[in-house]
Amino acid sequence: MKRLPRILPENARRMDVLEHRTGQTSATMRDMIHVRPIEPRDLPWVVHRLEGAFGDVTVARKGGLIDASVLPGFVATDGGRPIGLLTYDALHGECEVVAIISTEEGRGIGRALMDAVRDHAVAAGYRRLWLITTNDNTRAFRFYQKWGMDLCAFHRHGVRRSRKLKPSLPERGADGIPLDHELELEMLLDVTDRPAMRGGTRP
């Protein structure tokens, strides 16, 4: 953006129910997802989703504030219907994932979007793909590691610094966990193998 043994996570339970009702497997539903670059006609929807996720279109991280609505990115669709988005910023040979939003759980939307931005970064010759998440976002932390990213930095009290720029950031995040720290994850890219690069593993 995230159990006692033998108990499935909530997403998995929902997927089992959905597969039973539709007769489709999760792999089949992932195949229905199409990812394309964000287009001007997507802007109202992008703004709406950013405001729903972040309170407005800005994202605060590492003591900086960035307008995610004006950045390039990708939209995930199903039958033409938008179901997810990712925006990124590229600077000094690196590509930062600024915002990633999925409107439906358990369908592999996040993986499809991350695959798309990774492939773009490799094709563009960027050396590194990175992002910031917060200490409360345990689901995201698990997902990014399973996808293939490594934890490369721990910014102690990073959210406190970001909160000075964006006071609307809550004091507590997911599951009531105090929202204090920023975790930086990265994937180092092999730009010498651009056509074949498929990096990361699917959770």
Protein backbone atom coordinates (compact mmCIF):
# COMPACT_ATOMS: atom_id res chain seq x y z
CA MET A 1 0.00 0.00 0.00
CA LYS A 2 -1.23 -5.10 4.91
CA ARG A 3 -2.35 -15.22 12.11
CA LEU A 4 -2.52 -18.12 13.66
CA PRO A 5 -1.06 -21.07 11.71
CA ARG A 6 -3.39 -22.46 9.03
CA ILE A 7 -5.63 -19.39 9.14
CA LEU A 8 -5.62 -17.59 5.82
CA PRO A 9 -5.10 -13.82 5.67
CA GLU A 10 -8.24 -11.82 5.00
CA ASN A 11 -7.30 -11.24 1.35
CA ALA A 12 -6.87 -14.96 0.79
CA ARG A 13 -10.22 -15.75 2.38
CA ARG A 14 -11.92 -13.18 0.18
CA MET A 15 -10.20 -14.61 -2.87
CA ASP A 16 -11.36 -18.14 -2.01
CA VAL A 17 -14.94 -16.89 -1.78
CA LEU A 18 -14.61 -14.96 -5.04
CA GLU A 19 -13.14 -17.96 -6.85
CA HIS A 20 -15.95 -20.16 -5.57
CA ARG A 21 -18.61 -17.72 -6.76
CA THR A 22 -17.11 -16.93 -10.15
CA GLY A 23 -15.28 -20.14 -10.98
CA GLN A 24 -12.17 -18.06 -11.75
CA THR A 25 -8.76 -18.50 -10.16
CA SER A 26 -6.69 -15.59 -8.88
CA ALA A 27 -4.25 -16.18 -11.76
CA THR A 28 -7.12 -15.84 -14.24
CA MET A 29 -8.27 -12.62 -12.63
CA ARG A 30 -4.72 -11.23 -12.80
CA ASP A 31 -4.73 -11.97 -16.51
CA MET A 32 -7.78 -9.70 -16.85
CA ILE A 33 -5.80 -6.71 -15.55
CA HIS A 34 -4.35 -4.35 -18.15
CA VAL A 35 -1.78 -1.69 -17.24
CA ARG A 36 -1.22 1.41 -19.34
CA PRO A 37 0.35 4.85 -18.83
CA ILE A 38 -1.77 7.53 -17.18
CA GLU A 39 -3.54 9.70 -19.76
CA PRO A 40 -5.02 13.22 -19.42
CA ARG A 41 -8.54 11.77 -19.33
CA ASP A 42 -7.57 9.83 -16.19
CA LEU A 43 -6.78 12.94 -14.15
CA PRO A 44 -10.17 13.40 -12.41
CA TRP A 45 -10.15 9.76 -11.32
CA VAL A 46 -6.49 9.95 -10.26
CA VAL A 47 -7.16 13.07 -8.16
CA HIS A 48 -10.20 11.44 -6.58
CA ARG A 49 -8.24 8.33 -5.59
CA LEU A 50 -5.27 10.31 -4.27
CA GLU A 51 -7.55 12.47 -2.16
CA GLY A 52 -9.22 9.36 -0.80
CA ALA A 53 -5.91 7.76 0.12
CA PHE A 54 -3.87 10.76 1.28
CA GLY A 55 -6.43 13.45 2.13
CA ASP A 56 -5.27 15.51 -0.85
CA VAL A 57 -3.01 15.02 -3.88
CA THR A 58 0.24 15.55 -1.97
CA VAL A 59 2.49 12.85 -0.54
CA ALA A 60 4.90 13.66 2.29
CA ARG A 61 8.09 11.62 2.69
CA LYS A 62 11.69 12.23 3.74
CA GLY A 63 10.84 15.75 4.83
CA GLY A 64 9.52 16.70 1.40
CA LEU A 65 6.08 17.23 -0.11
CA ILE A 66 5.25 16.23 -3.67
CA ASP A 67 2.11 16.61 -5.78
CA ALA A 68 1.44 13.06 -6.96
CA SER A 69 -1.31 14.13 -9.37
CA VAL A 70 1.10 15.82 -11.81
CA LEU A 71 3.54 12.91 -11.98
CA PRO A 72 3.71 10.28 -14.71
CA GLY A 73 2.50 6.84 -13.86
CA PHE A 74 0.30 3.88 -14.72
CA VAL A 75 -3.35 2.93 -14.44
CA ALA A 76 -4.53 -0.65 -14.00
CA THR A 77 -7.84 -1.42 -15.69
CA ASP A 78 -10.26 -4.31 -15.99
CA GLY A 79 -12.46 -4.10 -19.06
CA GLY A 80 -11.60 -0.42 -19.35
CA ARG A 81 -12.60 0.26 -15.74
CA PRO A 82 -9.75 1.80 -13.66
CA ILE A 83 -8.95 -0.29 -10.59
CA GLY A 84 -5.52 0.95 -9.53
CA LEU A 85 -2.87 3.58 -10.10
CA LEU A 86 0.81 4.23 -9.52
CA THR A 87 2.72 7.48 -9.88
CA TYR A 88 6.49 7.84 -9.97
CA ASP A 89 9.19 10.48 -10.03
CA ALA A 90 12.53 10.04 -11.78
CA LEU A 91 15.65 11.98 -10.82
CA HIS A 92 19.42 11.41 -11.02
CA GLY A 93 19.09 7.97 -12.59
CA GLU A 94 16.65 6.73 -9.94
CA CYS A 95 12.90 6.09 -10.04
CA GLU A 96 10.78 6.66 -6.94
CA VAL A 97 7.33 5.13 -6.56
CA VAL A 98 5.46 8.04 -4.96
CA ALA A 99 1.94 6.62 -4.74
CA ILE A 100 0.36 3.24 -5.41
CA ILE A 101 -3.35 2.63 -4.90
CA SER A 102 -5.44 -0.48 -5.49
CA THR A 103 -9.24 -0.32 -5.33
CA GLU A 104 -9.77 -4.08 -5.11
CA GLU A 105 -7.87 -6.47 -2.85
CA GLY A 106 -6.48 -9.86 -3.72
CA ARG A 107 -6.35 -9.45 -7.50
CA GLY A 108 -2.64 -8.76 -8.02
CA ILE A 109 -3.24 -5.12 -8.98
CA GLY A 110 -0.30 -3.88 -6.92
CA ARG A 111 1.99 -6.49 -8.45
CA ALA A 112 0.90 -5.56 -11.97
CA LEU A 113 1.59 -1.88 -11.31
CA MET A 114 4.97 -2.54 -9.71
CA ASP A 115 5.92 -4.80 -12.62
CA ALA A 116 5.03 -1.99 -15.03
CA VAL A 117 7.07 0.69 -13.28
CA ARG A 118 10.03 -1.66 -12.90
CA ASP A 119 9.98 -2.51 -16.61
CA HIS A 120 9.76 1.21 -17.44
CA ALA A 121 12.67 2.02 -15.13
CA VAL A 122 14.83 -0.68 -16.70
CA ALA A 123 13.97 0.44 -20.24
CA ALA A 124 14.80 4.04 -19.30
CA GLY A 125 18.17 2.99 -17.88
CA TYR A 126 17.50 3.90 -14.25
CA ARG A 127 19.82 2.24 -11.76
CA ARG A 128 17.44 2.05 -8.83
CA LEU A 129 13.74 1.73 -8.04
CA TRP A 130 12.78 2.85 -4.55
CA LEU A 131 9.92 3.96 -2.34
CA ILE A 132 8.99 5.01 1.17
CA THR A 133 6.43 3.28 3.38
CA THR A 134 5.67 3.79 7.05
CA ASN A 135 6.20 1.65 10.13
CA ASP A 136 2.48 0.92 10.55
CA ASN A 137 2.01 -0.41 7.02
CA THR A 138 2.98 -4.01 7.73
CA ARG A 139 1.06 -5.40 4.77
CA ALA A 140 2.91 -3.14 2.35
CA PHE A 141 6.25 -3.94 3.99
CA ARG A 142 5.62 -7.65 3.48
CA PHE A 143 4.39 -7.20 -0.09
CA TYR A 144 7.35 -5.12 -1.26
CA GLN A 145 9.86 -7.60 0.17
CA LYS A 146 8.10 -10.58 -1.41
CA TRP A 147 7.99 -8.68 -4.68
CA GLY A 148 11.77 -8.35 -4.57
CA MET A 149 12.68 -5.12 -2.81
CA ASP A 150 15.15 -4.78 0.07
CA LEU A 151 14.98 -2.55 3.13
CA CYS A 152 17.83 -0.08 2.64
CA ALA A 153 17.16 2.66 5.22
CA PHE A 154 15.22 3.32 8.38
CA HIS A 155 14.34 6.98 8.89
CA ARG A 156 13.64 7.27 12.57
CA HIS A 157 10.87 9.78 13.29
CA GLY A 158 10.68 10.48 9.57
CA VAL A 159 6.91 10.82 9.70
CA ARG A 160 7.23 13.45 12.41
CA ARG A 161 9.34 15.54 10.05
CA SER A 162 6.89 14.97 7.19
CA ARG A 163 4.00 15.90 9.47
CA LYS A 164 5.45 19.39 9.83
CA LEU A 165 4.87 19.82 6.09
CA LYS A 166 1.55 17.97 6.09
CA PRO A 167 -0.14 18.38 9.49
CA SER A 168 -3.09 16.24 8.37
CA LEU A 169 -0.94 13.08 8.67
CA PRO A 170 -2.57 11.05 11.46
CA GLU A 171 -0.82 10.23 14.71
CA ARG A 172 -1.77 6.57 14.37
CA GLY A 173 -1.94 4.40 11.30
CA ALA A 174 -3.03 0.87 10.46
CA ASP A 175 -4.17 -1.26 13.42
CA GLY A 176 -3.72 1.71 15.76
CA ILE A 177 0.08 1.61 15.44
CA PRO A 178 1.77 4.97 16.17
CA LEU A 179 2.75 6.53 12.85
CA ASP A 180 6.34 7.70 13.47
CA HIS A 181 8.95 6.21 11.15
CA GLU A 182 9.66 5.89 7.43
CA LEU A 183 11.10 2.75 5.85
CA GLU A 184 12.94 3.01 2.54
CA LEU A 185 12.97 0.00 0.23
CA GLU A 186 14.81 -0.41 -3.04
CA MET A 187 15.41 -2.66 -6.00
CA LEU A 188 18.73 -2.25 -7.77
CA LEU A 189 18.20 -2.62 -11.50
CA ASP A 190 20.35 -4.44 -14.02
CA VAL A 191 20.16 -2.01 -16.91
CA THR A 192 22.54 -4.15 -18.99
CA ASP A 193 19.81 -6.76 -19.46
CA ARG A 194 16.90 -4.53 -20.38
CA PRO A 195 14.86 -6.75 -22.75
CA ALA A 196 14.90 -9.78 -20.44
CA MET A 197 14.50 -8.00 -17.11
CA ARG A 198 11.51 -9.38 -15.23
CA GLY A 199 12.92 -8.86 -11.62
CA GLY A 200 10.99 -9.45 -8.40
CA THR A 201 8.92 -12.43 -7.42
CA ARG A 202 5.19 -12.56 -7.13
CA PRO A 203 3.89 -13.08 -3.64
